[in-house]
Amino acid sequence: MQTPVPQNGLLRLKQIIGDKQAGILPLIPVSRFTWYQGMKSGRFPQSVRLGPRAVAWRAADIRKLVEEGV
């Protein structure tokens, strides 16, 4: 069973690619390295800077990606 993607708001990376230690199931099952390479190539959406060391992704962008079946 897949975790539902919120309609709006922001998601942190662990909410997108999952975290076994925290028990968070992945929405998009790829590694952190693959995610950032996909951002660089344009396959995955760009992040939104929250602060000097924090980024997140728009839930709408992730929802679109999941619906496309990446």
N, C-alpha and C. Protein backbone atom coordinates (compact mmCIF):
# COMPACT_ATOMS: atom_id res chain seq x y z
N MET A 1 0.84 -1.19 0.00
CA MET A 1 0.00 0.00 0.00
C MET A 1 0.88 1.24 0.00
N GLN A 2 0.57 2.16 -0.88
CA GLN A 2 1.38 3.35 -1.02
C GLN A 2 0.82 4.49 -0.16
N THR A 3 1.72 5.27 0.40
CA THR A 3 1.34 6.43 1.20
C THR A 3 0.75 7.49 0.28
N PRO A 4 -0.40 8.08 0.66
CA PRO A 4 -0.98 9.13 -0.21
C PRO A 4 -0.14 10.40 -0.20
N VAL A 5 -0.11 11.08 -1.33
CA VAL A 5 0.62 12.34 -1.45
C VAL A 5 -0.34 13.46 -1.10
N PRO A 6 0.04 14.38 -0.22
CA PRO A 6 -0.86 15.50 0.11
C PRO A 6 -1.20 16.34 -1.12
N GLN A 7 -2.34 17.02 -1.08
CA GLN A 7 -2.76 17.87 -2.20
C GLN A 7 -1.84 19.07 -2.37
N ASN A 8 -1.42 19.68 -1.26
CA ASN A 8 -0.54 20.83 -1.34
C ASN A 8 0.42 20.82 -0.16
N GLY A 9 1.33 21.76 -0.16
CA GLY A 9 2.33 21.81 0.90
C GLY A 9 3.69 21.39 0.38
N LEU A 10 4.56 21.06 1.31
CA LEU A 10 5.93 20.68 0.97
C LEU A 10 6.26 19.33 1.57
N LEU A 11 7.14 18.59 0.90
CA LEU A 11 7.60 17.29 1.38
C LEU A 11 9.11 17.31 1.52
N ARG A 12 9.60 16.71 2.57
CA ARG A 12 11.04 16.55 2.74
C ARG A 12 11.47 15.30 2.00
N LEU A 13 12.77 15.15 1.77
CA LEU A 13 13.28 14.04 0.97
C LEU A 13 12.93 12.68 1.56
N LYS A 14 13.00 12.55 2.88
CA LYS A 14 12.67 11.27 3.51
C LYS A 14 11.22 10.87 3.26
N GLN A 15 10.34 11.84 3.10
CA GLN A 15 8.94 11.55 2.81
C GLN A 15 8.77 11.08 1.36
N ILE A 16 9.70 11.44 0.50
CA ILE A 16 9.61 11.08 -0.91
C ILE A 16 10.28 9.73 -1.18
N ILE A 17 11.53 9.59 -0.75
CA ILE A 17 12.28 8.36 -1.06
C ILE A 17 12.22 7.35 0.08
N GLY A 18 11.59 7.71 1.19
CA GLY A 18 11.43 6.79 2.31
C GLY A 18 12.63 6.76 3.23
N ASP A 19 12.41 6.14 4.39
CA ASP A 19 13.46 5.99 5.40
C ASP A 19 13.15 4.73 6.20
N LYS A 20 13.90 3.66 5.96
CA LYS A 20 13.64 2.39 6.65
C LYS A 20 13.76 2.51 8.15
N GLN A 21 14.76 3.25 8.63
CA GLN A 21 14.96 3.38 10.07
C GLN A 21 13.80 4.07 10.76
N ALA A 22 13.20 5.05 10.09
CA ALA A 22 12.07 5.78 10.67
C ALA A 22 10.74 5.13 10.31
N GLY A 23 10.77 4.09 9.49
CA GLY A 23 9.54 3.40 9.10
C GLY A 23 8.70 4.16 8.09
N ILE A 24 9.33 5.01 7.28
CA ILE A 24 8.62 5.79 6.27
C ILE A 24 8.72 5.07 4.93
N LEU A 25 7.58 4.72 4.35
CA LEU A 25 7.56 4.05 3.06
C LEU A 25 7.84 5.05 1.95
N PRO A 26 8.54 4.62 0.90
CA PRO A 26 8.86 5.55 -0.19
C PRO A 26 7.67 5.79 -1.12
N LEU A 27 7.54 7.01 -1.57
CA LEU A 27 6.60 7.34 -2.64
C LEU A 27 7.25 7.02 -3.98
N ILE A 28 8.54 7.32 -4.06
CA ILE A 28 9.35 7.04 -5.24
C ILE A 28 10.58 6.28 -4.74
N PRO A 29 10.65 4.98 -4.97
CA PRO A 29 11.72 4.16 -4.40
C PRO A 29 13.05 4.26 -5.16
N VAL A 30 13.77 5.35 -4.90
CA VAL A 30 15.10 5.53 -5.47
C VAL A 30 16.04 5.94 -4.34
N SER A 31 17.33 5.86 -4.59
CA SER A 31 18.31 6.28 -3.58
C SER A 31 18.44 7.79 -3.58
N ARG A 32 19.05 8.32 -2.54
CA ARG A 32 19.30 9.76 -2.42
C ARG A 32 20.15 10.23 -3.61
N PHE A 33 21.19 9.46 -3.95
CA PHE A 33 22.07 9.80 -5.07
C PHE A 33 21.27 9.88 -6.37
N THR A 34 20.44 8.86 -6.63
CA THR A 34 19.63 8.82 -7.85
C THR A 34 18.67 10.00 -7.89
N TRP A 35 18.09 10.35 -6.73
CA TRP A 35 17.16 11.49 -6.67
C TRP A 35 17.86 12.78 -7.10
N TYR A 36 19.03 13.04 -6.53
CA TYR A 36 19.74 14.28 -6.86
C TYR A 36 20.26 14.27 -8.29
N GLN A 37 20.65 13.12 -8.82
CA GLN A 37 21.05 13.03 -10.23
C GLN A 37 19.85 13.30 -11.13
N GLY A 38 18.68 12.80 -10.72
CA GLY A 38 17.46 13.05 -11.48
C GLY A 38 17.06 14.51 -11.47
N MET A 39 17.30 15.19 -10.35
CA MET A 39 17.06 16.63 -10.29
C MET A 39 17.97 17.36 -11.27
N LYS A 40 19.24 16.95 -11.28
CA LYS A 40 20.22 17.59 -12.15
C LYS A 40 19.87 17.40 -13.63
N SER A 41 19.36 16.21 -13.96
CA SER A 41 19.03 15.92 -15.36
C SER A 41 17.65 16.43 -15.77
N GLY A 42 16.82 16.83 -14.80
CA GLY A 42 15.48 17.31 -15.11
C GLY A 42 14.40 16.25 -15.01
N ARG A 43 14.77 15.03 -14.65
CA ARG A 43 13.79 13.95 -14.50
C ARG A 43 12.90 14.16 -13.28
N PHE A 44 13.48 14.68 -12.21
CA PHE A 44 12.76 14.94 -10.97
C PHE A 44 12.68 16.45 -10.74
N PRO A 45 11.64 16.92 -10.02
CA PRO A 45 11.47 18.36 -9.82
C PRO A 45 12.57 18.98 -8.96
N GLN A 46 12.75 20.28 -9.15
CA GLN A 46 13.73 21.02 -8.36
C GLN A 46 13.19 21.27 -6.95
N SER A 47 14.09 21.43 -6.02
CA SER A 47 13.72 21.66 -4.63
C SER A 47 13.44 23.14 -4.38
N VAL A 48 12.81 23.40 -3.23
CA VAL A 48 12.54 24.75 -2.76
C VAL A 48 13.39 24.95 -1.50
N ARG A 49 14.19 25.98 -1.48
CA ARG A 49 15.07 26.22 -0.33
C ARG A 49 14.26 26.78 0.83
N LEU A 50 14.36 26.12 1.99
CA LEU A 50 13.67 26.55 3.20
C LEU A 50 14.58 27.36 4.12
N GLY A 51 15.86 27.10 4.01
CA GLY A 51 16.85 27.78 4.84
C GLY A 51 18.23 27.44 4.33
N PRO A 52 19.27 27.82 5.07
CA PRO A 52 20.63 27.56 4.59
C PRO A 52 20.96 26.08 4.41
N ARG A 53 20.33 25.21 5.20
CA ARG A 53 20.63 23.78 5.11
C ARG A 53 19.38 22.92 4.98
N ALA A 54 18.28 23.50 4.51
CA ALA A 54 17.03 22.75 4.43
C ALA A 54 16.34 23.01 3.09
N VAL A 55 15.91 21.92 2.46
CA VAL A 55 15.15 22.02 1.22
C VAL A 55 13.94 21.11 1.31
N ALA A 56 12.97 21.35 0.45
CA ALA A 56 11.77 20.52 0.36
C ALA A 56 11.29 20.57 -1.08
N TRP A 57 10.27 19.77 -1.37
CA TRP A 57 9.71 19.72 -2.71
C TRP A 57 8.22 19.97 -2.63
N ARG A 58 7.67 20.64 -3.62
CA ARG A 58 6.24 20.91 -3.67
C ARG A 58 5.48 19.59 -3.80
N ALA A 59 4.47 19.41 -2.96
CA ALA A 59 3.68 18.19 -2.99
C ALA A 59 3.00 18.01 -4.34
N ALA A 60 2.58 19.10 -4.97
CA ALA A 60 1.94 19.01 -6.28
C ALA A 60 2.89 18.43 -7.33
N ASP A 61 4.16 18.81 -7.27
CA ASP A 61 5.16 18.27 -8.21
C ASP A 61 5.37 16.78 -7.98
N ILE A 62 5.43 16.37 -6.72
CA ILE A 62 5.63 14.95 -6.40
C ILE A 62 4.39 14.15 -6.77
N ARG A 63 3.20 14.69 -6.52
CA ARG A 63 1.95 14.02 -6.88
C ARG A 63 1.92 13.76 -8.40
N LYS A 64 2.29 14.77 -9.18
CA LYS A 64 2.32 14.63 -10.64
C LYS A 64 3.29 13.53 -11.05
N LEU A 65 4.45 13.50 -10.41
CA LEU A 65 5.48 12.50 -10.71
C LEU A 65 4.97 11.09 -10.41
N VAL A 66 4.30 10.93 -9.27
CA VAL A 66 3.75 9.61 -8.88
C VAL A 66 2.65 9.19 -9.85
N GLU A 67 1.79 10.13 -10.23
CA GLU A 67 0.70 9.80 -11.16
C GLU A 67 1.22 9.42 -12.53
N GLU A 68 2.37 9.99 -12.93
CA GLU A 68 2.97 9.63 -14.22
C GLU A 68 3.62 8.26 -14.18
N GLY A 69 3.83 7.74 -12.98
CA GLY A 69 4.37 6.40 -12.85
C GLY A 69 5.87 6.30 -12.96
N VAL A 70 6.56 7.28 -12.44
CA VAL A 70 8.03 7.26 -12.47
C VAL A 70 8.48 6.14 -11.67
